[in-house]
Amino acid sequence: MVAIMDIPYESADSSTALHIIHAALKEGHNVRVFTYEEAVDLVTKKQQPPANPAKETSEEEERHTTTKDPAASLFELAKHQGVKLDWVNYGLFVDDRGAEGLRGVGPEDLVEASMGSDATMVILVPTK
């Protein structure tokens, strides 16, 4: 299981998580992904690349890629490999932010998924 709690575009953590999930699926592992807080936006279908107000640059000038397409490709890879990718978003944040995840869950689901997994990796926003 991979728990992602980092904001897309703020660091390489979310992209790294997607690469790790890809590698696990390619090796034939079932993967459960639990996103929380801003990480629920990784699969938002209406996702737009962010602008950078600090540098006064537009979305086009920043030319960031979105995470929705790489995330969607993980589902295709899982299907091709004959393994399961179970992607869930923490329910309250799905409702609050309008993210379009596959289904919303609660904190007890994170604990249950961790207990039922061979391994758990948590990628979160570092605190200062």
Protein backbone atom coordinates (compact mmCIF):
# COMPACT_ATOMS: atom_id res chain seq x y z
CA MET A 1 0.00 0.00 0.00
CA VAL A 2 1.15 3.52 -0.80
CA ALA A 3 -0.26 6.46 1.15
CA ILE A 4 0.32 9.81 -0.53
CA MET A 5 -0.24 12.98 1.46
CA ASP A 6 1.84 15.44 -0.53
CA ILE A 7 0.66 18.29 -2.73
CA PRO A 8 1.10 17.82 -6.48
CA TYR A 9 3.69 20.23 -7.95
CA GLU A 10 5.14 21.32 -4.58
CA SER A 11 7.87 18.69 -4.62
CA ALA A 12 8.88 15.57 -6.52
CA ASP A 13 7.22 13.33 -3.92
CA SER A 14 3.96 12.81 -5.81
CA SER A 15 5.74 12.07 -9.08
CA THR A 16 8.09 9.72 -7.27
CA ALA A 17 5.10 7.92 -5.75
CA LEU A 18 3.61 7.44 -9.23
CA HIS A 19 6.92 5.97 -10.46
CA ILE A 20 7.07 3.59 -7.49
CA ILE A 21 3.48 2.48 -8.08
CA HIS A 22 4.30 1.94 -11.77
CA ALA A 23 7.30 -0.22 -10.86
CA ALA A 24 5.28 -2.31 -8.42
CA LEU A 25 2.51 -2.91 -10.96
CA LYS A 26 5.04 -3.77 -13.67
CA GLU A 27 6.53 -6.39 -11.35
CA GLY A 28 3.09 -7.95 -10.94
CA HIS A 29 2.12 -6.62 -7.52
CA ASN A 30 -1.37 -5.57 -6.48
CA VAL A 31 -1.24 -1.99 -5.21
CA ARG A 32 -3.60 0.01 -3.03
CA VAL A 33 -3.15 3.78 -3.06
CA PHE A 34 -4.60 5.96 -0.30
CA THR A 35 -4.51 9.72 -0.96
CA TYR A 36 -5.15 12.35 1.68
CA GLU A 37 -5.36 16.14 1.79
CA GLU A 38 -4.06 17.80 -1.41
CA ALA A 39 -2.88 14.48 -2.84
CA VAL A 40 -6.49 13.66 -3.77
CA ASP A 41 -5.94 16.02 -6.69
CA LEU A 42 -3.53 13.57 -8.34
CA VAL A 43 -6.43 11.93 -10.20
CA THR A 44 -8.72 14.95 -10.68
CA LYS A 45 -9.88 14.70 -14.28
CA LYS A 46 -10.31 18.46 -14.74
CA GLN A 47 -6.81 19.13 -13.46
CA GLN A 48 -4.96 22.08 -14.96
CA PRO A 49 -1.24 22.80 -14.74
CA PRO A 50 -0.56 25.41 -12.06
CA ALA A 51 0.64 28.95 -12.64
CA ASN A 52 3.42 30.34 -10.48
CA PRO A 53 2.32 33.64 -8.93
CA ALA A 54 5.65 34.06 -7.12
CA LYS A 55 7.49 34.14 -10.47
CA GLU A 56 4.53 35.88 -12.16
CA THR A 57 4.36 33.17 -14.80
CA SER A 58 1.26 31.70 -16.37
CA GLU A 59 0.24 28.06 -16.67
CA GLU A 60 1.55 28.03 -20.25
CA GLU A 61 4.89 29.55 -19.27
CA GLU A 62 5.41 27.04 -16.46
CA ARG A 63 4.64 24.10 -18.80
CA HIS A 64 4.07 21.67 -15.95
CA THR A 65 2.65 18.30 -16.79
CA THR A 66 -0.40 17.20 -14.87
CA THR A 67 -0.57 13.98 -12.86
CA LYS A 68 -3.99 12.90 -14.15
CA ASP A 69 -2.59 11.23 -17.29
CA PRO A 70 0.25 9.32 -15.60
CA ALA A 71 -2.21 8.24 -12.88
CA ALA A 72 -4.70 7.07 -15.51
CA SER A 73 -1.96 5.09 -17.27
CA LEU A 74 -1.37 3.14 -14.04
CA PHE A 75 -4.87 1.67 -14.32
CA GLU A 76 -4.12 0.57 -17.88
CA LEU A 77 -0.86 -1.01 -16.76
CA ALA A 78 -2.59 -2.87 -13.93
CA LYS A 79 -5.16 -4.22 -16.38
CA HIS A 80 -2.44 -5.27 -18.83
CA GLN A 81 -0.42 -6.98 -16.07
CA GLY A 82 -3.50 -8.72 -14.65
CA VAL A 83 -3.06 -7.13 -11.22
CA LYS A 84 -5.26 -4.88 -9.11
CA LEU A 85 -4.80 -1.16 -8.55
CA ASP A 86 -7.17 0.06 -5.85
CA TRP A 87 -7.00 3.87 -5.64
CA VAL A 88 -8.98 5.56 -2.90
CA ASN A 89 -9.18 9.14 -1.73
CA TYR A 90 -9.89 10.25 1.81
CA GLY A 91 -13.62 11.00 1.67
CA LEU A 92 -13.79 14.38 3.40
CA PHE A 93 -11.22 15.86 1.08
CA VAL A 94 -12.94 14.40 -1.97
CA ASP A 95 -16.12 16.20 -0.92
CA ASP A 96 -14.40 19.47 0.05
CA ARG A 97 -12.20 19.80 -3.01
CA GLY A 98 -14.32 18.16 -5.65
CA ALA A 99 -11.60 15.69 -6.59
CA GLU A 100 -12.78 12.93 -8.86
CA GLY A 101 -11.30 9.86 -7.24
CA LEU A 102 -12.66 6.38 -7.66
CA ARG A 103 -14.19 6.31 -4.20
CA GLY A 104 -13.90 8.10 -0.89
CA VAL A 105 -12.92 6.37 2.34
CA GLY A 106 -12.25 7.27 5.96
CA PRO A 107 -9.15 7.12 8.18
CA GLU A 108 -10.07 3.65 9.46
CA ASP A 109 -9.61 2.38 5.89
CA LEU A 110 -5.98 3.52 5.94
CA VAL A 111 -5.34 1.49 9.09
CA GLU A 112 -7.18 -1.54 7.72
CA ALA A 113 -5.33 -1.38 4.40
CA SER A 114 -1.98 -1.07 6.16
CA MET A 115 -2.70 -4.06 8.36
CA GLY A 116 -3.70 -6.14 5.33
CA SER A 117 -0.68 -5.19 3.17
CA ASP A 118 2.69 -6.85 2.86
CA ALA A 119 4.30 -3.41 3.03
CA THR A 120 3.16 0.20 3.49
CA MET A 121 4.91 3.34 2.25
CA VAL A 122 3.76 6.80 3.34
CA ILE A 123 4.74 9.90 1.38
CA LEU A 124 3.72 13.05 3.24
CA VAL A 125 4.27 16.76 3.44
CA PRO A 126 7.28 17.46 5.65
CA THR A 127 6.66 19.68 8.65
CA LYS A 128 8.86 22.58 9.65
